Structure formats: C-alpha cells, structure tokens
Amino acid sequence: GGGGSQRGALALHQRGVPVVGVPASIDNDIYGTDI
C-alpha cells in the first residue's frame, strides 16, 4: 500500500510483528523507492 499503509506497517513492527512493506501508490510519493 501507500504511505499510510507503510506507517501502519511500522506501528505493527513496533508492537513486535515481523512485517515488510511494499510500496503501491499512483502518487509516487513514498520515500525509499524510485517508483
């Protein structure tokens, strides 16, 4: 998902859940990926 989804992934990671995010957003405004 997009930026909000990555923040949600971070929240779960901070609660101890093993998680990896994948950037999917047509706005292309997510830091850390060219596209």
ModelCIF file with pLDDT and N, C-alpha, C, O atoms, coordinates in Angstrom:
data_MODEL
#
_entry.id   MODEL 
#
_entity.id                         1 
_entity.type                       polymer 
_entity.pdbx_number_of_molecules   1 
#
_entity_poly.entity_id                      1 
_entity_poly.type                           'polypeptide(L)' 
_entity_poly.nstd_linkage                   no 
_entity_poly.nstd_monomer                   no 
_entity_poly.pdbx_seq_one_letter_code       GGGGSQRGALALHQRGVPVVGVPASIDNDIYGTDI 
_entity_poly.pdbx_seq_one_letter_code_can   GGGGSQRGALALHQRGVPVVGVPASIDNDIYGTDI 
_entity_poly.pdbx_strand_id                 A 
#
loop_
_entity_poly_seq.entity_id 
_entity_poly_seq.num 
_entity_poly_seq.mon_id 
_entity_poly_seq.hetero 
1 1  GLY n 
1 2  GLY n 
1 3  GLY n 
1 4  GLY n 
1 5  SER n 
1 6  GLN n 
1 7  ARG n 
1 8  GLY n 
1 9  ALA n 
1 10 LEU n 
1 11 ALA n 
1 12 LEU n 
1 13 HIS n 
1 14 GLN n 
1 15 ARG n 
1 16 GLY n 
1 17 VAL n 
1 18 PRO n 
1 19 VAL n 
1 20 VAL n 
1 21 GLY n 
1 22 VAL n 
1 23 PRO n 
1 24 ALA n 
1 25 SER n 
1 26 ILE n 
1 27 ASP n 
1 28 ASN n 
1 29 ASP n 
1 30 ILE n 
1 31 TYR n 
1 32 GLY n 
1 33 THR n 
1 34 ASP n 
1 35 ILE n 
#
_struct_asym.id          A 
_struct_asym.entity_id   1 
#
loop_
_ma_qa_metric.id 
_ma_qa_metric.mode 
_ma_qa_metric.name 
_ma_qa_metric.software_group_id 
_ma_qa_metric.type 
1 global pLDDT . pLDDT 
2 local  pLDDT . pLDDT 
#
_ma_qa_metric_global.metric_id      1 
_ma_qa_metric_global.metric_value   96.57 
_ma_qa_metric_global.model_id       1 
_ma_qa_metric_global.ordinal_id     1 
#
loop_
_ma_qa_metric_local.label_asym_id 
_ma_qa_metric_local.label_comp_id 
_ma_qa_metric_local.label_seq_id 
_ma_qa_metric_local.metric_id 
_ma_qa_metric_local.metric_value 
_ma_qa_metric_local.model_id 
_ma_qa_metric_local.ordinal_id 
A GLY 1  2 97.00 1 1  
A GLY 2  2 95.00 1 2  
A GLY 3  2 94.00 1 3  
A GLY 4  2 94.00 1 4  
A SER 5  2 96.00 1 5  
A GLN 6  2 97.00 1 6  
A ARG 7  2 96.00 1 7  
A GLY 8  2 96.00 1 8  
A ALA 9  2 97.00 1 9  
A LEU 10 2 97.00 1 10 
A ALA 11 2 96.00 1 11 
A LEU 12 2 97.00 1 12 
A HIS 13 2 97.00 1 13 
A GLN 14 2 97.00 1 14 
A ARG 15 2 96.00 1 15 
A GLY 16 2 96.00 1 16 
A VAL 17 2 97.00 1 17 
A PRO 18 2 97.00 1 18 
A VAL 19 2 98.00 1 19 
A VAL 20 2 98.00 1 20 
A GLY 21 2 98.00 1 21 
A VAL 22 2 98.00 1 22 
A PRO 23 2 98.00 1 23 
A ALA 24 2 98.00 1 24 
A SER 25 2 96.00 1 25 
A ILE 26 2 96.00 1 26 
A ASP 27 2 95.00 1 27 
A ASN 28 2 96.00 1 28 
A ASP 29 2 94.00 1 29 
A ILE 30 2 97.00 1 30 
A TYR 31 2 97.00 1 31 
A GLY 32 2 97.00 1 32 
A THR 33 2 98.00 1 33 
A ASP 34 2 97.00 1 34 
A ILE 35 2 97.00 1 35 
#
loop_
_atom_site.group_PDB 
_atom_site.id 
_atom_site.type_symbol 
_atom_site.label_atom_id 
_atom_site.label_alt_id 
_atom_site.label_comp_id 
_atom_site.label_asym_id 
_atom_site.label_entity_id 
_atom_site.label_seq_id 
_atom_site.pdbx_PDB_ins_code 
_atom_site.Cartn_x 
_atom_site.Cartn_y 
_atom_site.Cartn_z 
_atom_site.occupancy 
_atom_site.B_iso_or_equiv 
_atom_site.pdbx_formal_charge 
_atom_site.auth_seq_id 
_atom_site.auth_comp_id 
_atom_site.auth_asym_id 
_atom_site.auth_atom_id 
_atom_site.pdbx_PDB_model_num 
ATOM 1   N N  . GLY A 1 1  ? 0.810  -1.213 0.000  1.00 97.00 ? 1  GLY A N  1 
ATOM 2   C CA . GLY A 1 1  ? 0.000  0.000  0.000  1.00 97.00 ? 1  GLY A CA 1 
ATOM 3   C C  . GLY A 1 1  ? 0.843  1.263  0.000  1.00 97.00 ? 1  GLY A C  1 
ATOM 4   O O  . GLY A 1 1  ? 2.058  1.213  -0.192 1.00 97.00 ? 1  GLY A O  1 
ATOM 5   N N  . GLY A 1 2  ? 0.186  2.396  0.217  1.00 95.00 ? 2  GLY A N  1 
ATOM 6   C CA . GLY A 1 2  ? 0.824  3.700  0.139  1.00 95.00 ? 2  GLY A CA 1 
ATOM 7   C C  . GLY A 1 2  ? 1.460  4.139  1.447  1.00 95.00 ? 2  GLY A C  1 
ATOM 8   O O  . GLY A 1 2  ? 1.773  3.318  2.308  1.00 95.00 ? 2  GLY A O  1 
ATOM 9   N N  . GLY A 1 3  ? 1.646  5.454  1.583  1.00 94.00 ? 3  GLY A N  1 
ATOM 10  C CA . GLY A 1 3  ? 2.340  5.992  2.741  1.00 94.00 ? 3  GLY A CA 1 
ATOM 11  C C  . GLY A 1 3  ? 1.663  5.659  4.059  1.00 94.00 ? 3  GLY A C  1 
ATOM 12  O O  . GLY A 1 3  ? 2.330  5.286  5.024  1.00 94.00 ? 3  GLY A O  1 
ATOM 13  N N  . GLY A 1 4  ? 0.341  5.790  4.109  1.00 94.00 ? 4  GLY A N  1 
ATOM 14  C CA . GLY A 1 4  ? -0.388 5.448  5.327  1.00 94.00 ? 4  GLY A CA 1 
ATOM 15  C C  . GLY A 1 4  ? -0.252 3.979  5.684  1.00 94.00 ? 4  GLY A C  1 
ATOM 16  O O  . GLY A 1 4  ? -0.169 3.618  6.858  1.00 94.00 ? 4  GLY A O  1 
ATOM 17  N N  . SER A 1 5  ? -0.229 3.138  4.665  1.00 96.00 ? 5  SER A N  1 
ATOM 18  C CA . SER A 1 5  ? -0.073 1.701  4.885  1.00 96.00 ? 5  SER A CA 1 
ATOM 19  C C  . SER A 1 5  ? 1.304  1.382  5.456  1.00 96.00 ? 5  SER A C  1 
ATOM 20  O O  . SER A 1 5  ? 1.436  0.510  6.314  1.00 96.00 ? 5  SER A O  1 
ATOM 21  N N  . GLN A 1 6  ? 2.334  2.093  4.978  1.00 97.00 ? 6  GLN A N  1 
ATOM 22  C CA . GLN A 1 6  ? 3.683  1.866  5.498  1.00 97.00 ? 6  GLN A CA 1 
ATOM 23  C C  . GLN A 1 6  ? 3.788  2.339  6.944  1.00 97.00 ? 6  GLN A C  1 
ATOM 24  O O  . GLN A 1 6  ? 4.509  1.737  7.740  1.00 97.00 ? 6  GLN A O  1 
ATOM 25  N N  . ARG A 1 7  ? 3.072  3.415  7.292  1.00 96.00 ? 7  ARG A N  1 
ATOM 26  C CA . ARG A 1 7  ? 3.054  3.846  8.691  1.00 96.00 ? 7  ARG A CA 1 
ATOM 27  C C  . ARG A 1 7  ? 2.331  2.820  9.565  1.00 96.00 ? 7  ARG A C  1 
ATOM 28  O O  . ARG A 1 7  ? 2.712  2.585  10.711 1.00 96.00 ? 7  ARG A O  1 
ATOM 29  N N  . GLY A 1 8  ? 1.283  2.213  9.004  1.00 96.00 ? 8  GLY A N  1 
ATOM 30  C CA . GLY A 1 8  ? 0.600  1.134  9.726  1.00 96.00 ? 8  GLY A CA 1 
ATOM 31  C C  . GLY A 1 8  ? 1.509  -0.065 9.915  1.00 96.00 ? 8  GLY A C  1 
ATOM 32  O O  . GLY A 1 8  ? 1.493  -0.705 10.966 1.00 96.00 ? 8  GLY A O  1 
ATOM 33  N N  . ALA A 1 9  ? 2.308  -0.371 8.888  1.00 97.00 ? 9  ALA A N  1 
ATOM 34  C CA . ALA A 1 9  ? 3.269  -1.468 8.995  1.00 97.00 ? 9  ALA A CA 1 
ATOM 35  C C  . ALA A 1 9  ? 4.279  -1.185 10.098 1.00 97.00 ? 9  ALA A C  1 
ATOM 36  O O  . ALA A 1 9  ? 4.646  -2.080 10.859 1.00 97.00 ? 9  ALA A O  1 
ATOM 37  N N  . LEU A 1 10 ? 4.729  0.071  10.179 1.00 97.00 ? 10 LEU A N  1 
ATOM 38  C CA . LEU A 1 10 ? 5.685  0.449  11.223 1.00 97.00 ? 10 LEU A CA 1 
ATOM 39  C C  . LEU A 1 10 ? 5.064  0.272  12.605 1.00 97.00 ? 10 LEU A C  1 
ATOM 40  O O  . LEU A 1 10 ? 5.725  -0.212 13.523 1.00 97.00 ? 10 LEU A O  1 
ATOM 41  N N  . ALA A 1 11 ? 3.811  0.657  12.755 1.00 96.00 ? 11 ALA A N  1 
ATOM 42  C CA . ALA A 1 11 ? 3.141  0.525  14.057 1.00 96.00 ? 11 ALA A CA 1 
ATOM 43  C C  . ALA A 1 11 ? 3.093  -0.936 14.497 1.00 96.00 ? 11 ALA A C  1 
ATOM 44  O O  . ALA A 1 11 ? 3.302  -1.237 15.672 1.00 96.00 ? 11 ALA A O  1 
ATOM 45  N N  . LEU A 1 12 ? 2.821  -1.841 13.564 1.00 97.00 ? 12 LEU A N  1 
ATOM 46  C CA . LEU A 1 12 ? 2.790  -3.264 13.897 1.00 97.00 ? 12 LEU A CA 1 
ATOM 47  C C  . LEU A 1 12 ? 4.186  -3.782 14.206 1.00 97.00 ? 12 LEU A C  1 
ATOM 48  O O  . LEU A 1 12 ? 4.370  -4.587 15.119 1.00 97.00 ? 12 LEU A O  1 
ATOM 49  N N  . HIS A 1 13 ? 5.166  -3.318 13.443 1.00 97.00 ? 13 HIS A N  1 
ATOM 50  C CA . HIS A 1 13 ? 6.558  -3.715 13.700 1.00 97.00 ? 13 HIS A CA 1 
ATOM 51  C C  . HIS A 1 13 ? 6.978  -3.307 15.102 1.00 97.00 ? 13 HIS A C  1 
ATOM 52  O O  . HIS A 1 13 ? 7.655  -4.064 15.798 1.00 97.00 ? 13 HIS A O  1 
ATOM 53  N N  . GLN A 1 14 ? 6.576  -2.106 15.517 1.00 97.00 ? 14 GLN A N  1 
ATOM 54  C CA . GLN A 1 14 ? 6.937  -1.621 16.849 1.00 97.00 ? 14 GLN A CA 1 
ATOM 55  C C  . GLN A 1 14 ? 6.240  -2.407 17.954 1.00 97.00 ? 14 GLN A C  1 
ATOM 56  O O  . GLN A 1 14 ? 6.658  -2.365 19.111 1.00 97.00 ? 14 GLN A O  1 
ATOM 57  N N  . ARG A 1 15 ? 5.175  -3.125 17.595 1.00 96.00 ? 15 ARG A N  1 
ATOM 58  C CA . ARG A 1 15 ? 4.482  -3.992 18.554 1.00 96.00 ? 15 ARG A CA 1 
ATOM 59  C C  . ARG A 1 15 ? 4.977  -5.431 18.472 1.00 96.00 ? 15 ARG A C  1 
ATOM 60  O O  . ARG A 1 15 ? 4.414  -6.333 19.092 1.00 96.00 ? 15 ARG A O  1 
ATOM 61  N N  . GLY A 1 16 ? 6.039  -5.629 17.695 1.00 96.00 ? 16 GLY A N  1 
ATOM 62  C CA . GLY A 1 16 ? 6.667  -6.947 17.672 1.00 96.00 ? 16 GLY A CA 1 
ATOM 63  C C  . GLY A 1 16 ? 6.263  -7.859 16.537 1.00 96.00 ? 16 GLY A C  1 
ATOM 64  O O  . GLY A 1 16 ? 6.653  -9.026 16.514 1.00 96.00 ? 16 GLY A O  1 
ATOM 65  N N  . VAL A 1 17 ? 5.484  -7.347 15.587 1.00 97.00 ? 17 VAL A N  1 
ATOM 66  C CA . VAL A 1 17 ? 5.061  -8.170 14.458 1.00 97.00 ? 17 VAL A CA 1 
ATOM 67  C C  . VAL A 1 17 ? 6.139  -8.131 13.368 1.00 97.00 ? 17 VAL A C  1 
ATOM 68  O O  . VAL A 1 17 ? 6.503  -7.042 12.922 1.00 97.00 ? 17 VAL A O  1 
ATOM 69  N N  . PRO A 1 18 ? 6.658  -9.274 12.928 1.00 97.00 ? 18 PRO A N  1 
ATOM 70  C CA . PRO A 1 18 ? 7.564  -9.280 11.779 1.00 97.00 ? 18 PRO A CA 1 
ATOM 71  C C  . PRO A 1 18 ? 6.810  -8.837 10.524 1.00 97.00 ? 18 PRO A C  1 
ATOM 72  O O  . PRO A 1 18 ? 5.854  -9.494 10.111 1.00 97.00 ? 18 PRO A O  1 
ATOM 73  N N  . VAL A 1 19 ? 7.230  -7.742 9.926  1.00 98.00 ? 19 VAL A N  1 
ATOM 74  C CA . VAL A 1 19 ? 6.473  -7.167 8.816  1.00 98.00 ? 19 VAL A CA 1 
ATOM 75  C C  . VAL A 1 19 ? 7.413  -6.552 7.790  1.00 98.00 ? 19 VAL A C  1 
ATOM 76  O O  . VAL A 1 19 ? 8.456  -5.995 8.133  1.00 98.00 ? 19 VAL A O  1 
ATOM 77  N N  . VAL A 1 20 ? 7.024  -6.663 6.525  1.00 98.00 ? 20 VAL A N  1 
ATOM 78  C CA . VAL A 1 20 ? 7.710  -5.976 5.430  1.00 98.00 ? 20 VAL A CA 1 
ATOM 79  C C  . VAL A 1 20 ? 6.653  -5.252 4.603  1.00 98.00 ? 20 VAL A C  1 
ATOM 80  O O  . VAL A 1 20 ? 5.610  -5.823 4.285  1.00 98.00 ? 20 VAL A O  1 
ATOM 81  N N  . GLY A 1 21 ? 6.922  -4.005 4.258  1.00 98.00 ? 21 GLY A N  1 
ATOM 82  C CA . GLY A 1 21 ? 6.002  -3.217 3.443  1.00 98.00 ? 21 GLY A CA 1 
ATOM 83  C C  . GLY A 1 21 ? 6.401  -3.235 1.982  1.00 98.00 ? 21 GLY A C  1 
ATOM 84  O O  . GLY A 1 21 ? 7.572  -3.386 1.635  1.00 98.00 ? 21 GLY A O  1 
ATOM 85  N N  . VAL A 1 22 ? 5.389  -3.076 1.130  1.00 98.00 ? 22 VAL A N  1 
ATOM 86  C CA . VAL A 1 22 ? 5.601  -2.974 -0.315 1.00 98.00 ? 22 VAL A CA 1 
ATOM 87  C C  . VAL A 1 22 ? 4.903  -1.704 -0.803 1.00 98.00 ? 22 VAL A C  1 
ATOM 88  O O  . VAL A 1 22 ? 3.704  -1.549 -0.572 1.00 98.00 ? 22 VAL A O  1 
ATOM 89  N N  . PRO A 1 23 ? 5.622  -0.783 -1.476 1.00 98.00 ? 23 PRO A N  1 
ATOM 90  C CA . PRO A 1 23 ? 5.021  0.496  -1.868 1.00 98.00 ? 23 PRO A CA 1 
ATOM 91  C C  . PRO A 1 23 ? 4.136  0.376  -3.107 1.00 98.00 ? 23 PRO A C  1 
ATOM 92  O O  . PRO A 1 23 ? 4.597  -0.023 -4.176 1.00 98.00 ? 23 PRO A O  1 
ATOM 93  N N  . ALA A 1 24 ? 2.880  0.720  -2.952 1.00 98.00 ? 24 ALA A N  1 
ATOM 94  C CA . ALA A 1 24 ? 1.933  0.723  -4.072 1.00 98.00 ? 24 ALA A CA 1 
ATOM 95  C C  . ALA A 1 24 ? 1.106  1.993  -3.979 1.00 98.00 ? 24 ALA A C  1 
ATOM 96  O O  . ALA A 1 24 ? 0.225  2.104  -3.125 1.00 98.00 ? 24 ALA A O  1 
ATOM 97  N N  . SER A 1 25 ? 1.384  2.951  -4.852 1.00 96.00 ? 25 SER A N  1 
ATOM 98  C CA . SER A 1 25 ? 0.681  4.237  -4.830 1.00 96.00 ? 25 SER A CA 1 
ATOM 99  C C  . SER A 1 25 ? 0.905  4.943  -6.153 1.00 96.00 ? 25 SER A C  1 
ATOM 100 O O  . SER A 1 25 ? 2.047  5.123  -6.576 1.00 96.00 ? 25 SER A O  1 
ATOM 101 N N  . ILE A 1 26 ? -0.180 5.348  -6.812 1.00 96.00 ? 26 ILE A N  1 
ATOM 102 C CA . ILE A 1 26 ? -0.006 6.022  -8.095 1.00 96.00 ? 26 ILE A CA 1 
ATOM 103 C C  . ILE A 1 26 ? 0.553  7.426  -7.921 1.00 96.00 ? 26 ILE A C  1 
ATOM 104 O O  . ILE A 1 26 ? 1.018  8.019  -8.894 1.00 96.00 ? 26 ILE A O  1 
ATOM 105 N N  . ASP A 1 27 ? 0.521  7.979  -6.698 1.00 95.00 ? 27 ASP A N  1 
ATOM 106 C CA . ASP A 1 27 ? 1.091  9.316  -6.461 1.00 95.00 ? 27 ASP A CA 1 
ATOM 107 C C  . ASP A 1 27 ? 2.620  9.313  -6.493 1.00 95.00 ? 27 ASP A C  1 
ATOM 108 O O  . ASP A 1 27 ? 3.241  10.353 -6.711 1.00 95.00 ? 27 ASP A O  1 
ATOM 109 N N  . ASN A 1 28 ? 3.215  8.161  -6.280 1.00 96.00 ? 28 ASN A N  1 
ATOM 110 C CA . ASN A 1 28 ? 4.677  8.002  -6.263 1.00 96.00 ? 28 ASN A CA 1 
ATOM 111 C C  . ASN A 1 28 ? 5.348  8.968  -5.288 1.00 96.00 ? 28 ASN A C  1 
ATOM 112 O O  . ASN A 1 28 ? 6.351  9.606  -5.608 1.00 96.00 ? 28 ASN A O  1 
ATOM 113 N N  . ASP A 1 29 ? 4.773  9.057  -4.099 1.00 94.00 ? 29 ASP A N  1 
ATOM 114 C CA . ASP A 1 29 ? 5.303  9.990  -3.109 1.00 94.00 ? 29 ASP A CA 1 
ATOM 115 C C  . ASP A 1 29 ? 5.888  9.287  -1.885 1.00 94.00 ? 29 ASP A C  1 
ATOM 116 O O  . ASP A 1 29 ? 6.064  9.911  -0.839 1.00 94.00 ? 29 ASP A O  1 
ATOM 117 N N  . ILE A 1 30 ? 6.189  7.997  -2.008 1.00 97.00 ? 30 ILE A N  1 
ATOM 118 C CA . ILE A 1 30 ? 6.712  7.226  -0.883 1.00 97.00 ? 30 ILE A CA 1 
ATOM 119 C C  . ILE A 1 30 ? 8.238  7.270  -0.894 1.00 97.00 ? 30 ILE A C  1 
ATOM 120 O O  . ILE A 1 30 ? 8.872  6.964  -1.904 1.00 97.00 ? 30 ILE A O  1 
ATOM 121 N N  . TYR A 1 31 ? 8.805  7.644  0.213  1.00 97.00 ? 31 TYR A N  1 
ATOM 122 C CA . TYR A 1 31 ? 10.256 7.711  0.317  1.00 97.00 ? 31 TYR A CA 1 
ATOM 123 C C  . TYR A 1 31 ? 10.851 6.301  0.282  1.00 97.00 ? 31 TYR A C  1 
ATOM 124 O O  . TYR A 1 31 ? 10.269 5.359  0.819  1.00 97.00 ? 31 TYR A O  1 
ATOM 125 N N  . GLY A 1 32 ? 12.016 6.171  -0.357 1.00 97.00 ? 32 GLY A N  1 
ATOM 126 C CA . GLY A 1 32 ? 12.742 4.906  -0.333 1.00 97.00 ? 32 GLY A CA 1 
ATOM 127 C C  . GLY A 1 32 ? 12.622 4.068  -1.580 1.00 97.00 ? 32 GLY A C  1 
ATOM 128 O O  . GLY A 1 32 ? 13.217 2.993  -1.658 1.00 97.00 ? 32 GLY A O  1 
ATOM 129 N N  . THR A 1 33 ? 11.869 4.530  -2.560 1.00 98.00 ? 33 THR A N  1 
ATOM 130 C CA . THR A 1 33 ? 11.751 3.797  -3.815 1.00 98.00 ? 33 THR A CA 1 
ATOM 131 C C  . THR A 1 33 ? 11.692 4.781  -4.975 1.00 98.00 ? 33 THR A C  1 
ATOM 132 O O  . THR A 1 33 ? 11.065 5.835  -4.878 1.00 98.00 ? 33 THR A O  1 
ATOM 133 N N  . ASP A 1 34 ? 12.348 4.427  -6.068 1.00 97.00 ? 34 ASP A N  1 
ATOM 134 C CA . ASP A 1 34 ? 12.303 5.294  -7.244 1.00 97.00 ? 34 ASP A CA 1 
ATOM 135 C C  . ASP A 1 34 ? 10.898 5.378  -7.819 1.00 97.00 ? 34 ASP A C  1 
ATOM 136 O O  . ASP A 1 34 ? 10.472 6.425  -8.306 1.00 97.00 ? 34 ASP A O  1 
ATOM 137 N N  . ILE A 1 35 ? 10.191 4.266  -7.755 1.00 97.00 ? 35 ILE A N  1 
ATOM 138 C CA . ILE A 1 35 ? 8.839  4.223  -8.324 1.00 97.00 ? 35 ILE A CA 1 
ATOM 139 C C  . ILE A 1 35 ? 8.010  3.206  -7.561 1.00 97.00 ? 35 ILE A C  1 
ATOM 140 O O  . ILE A 1 35 ? 6.836  3.007  -7.874 1.00 97.00 ? 35 ILE A O  1 
#
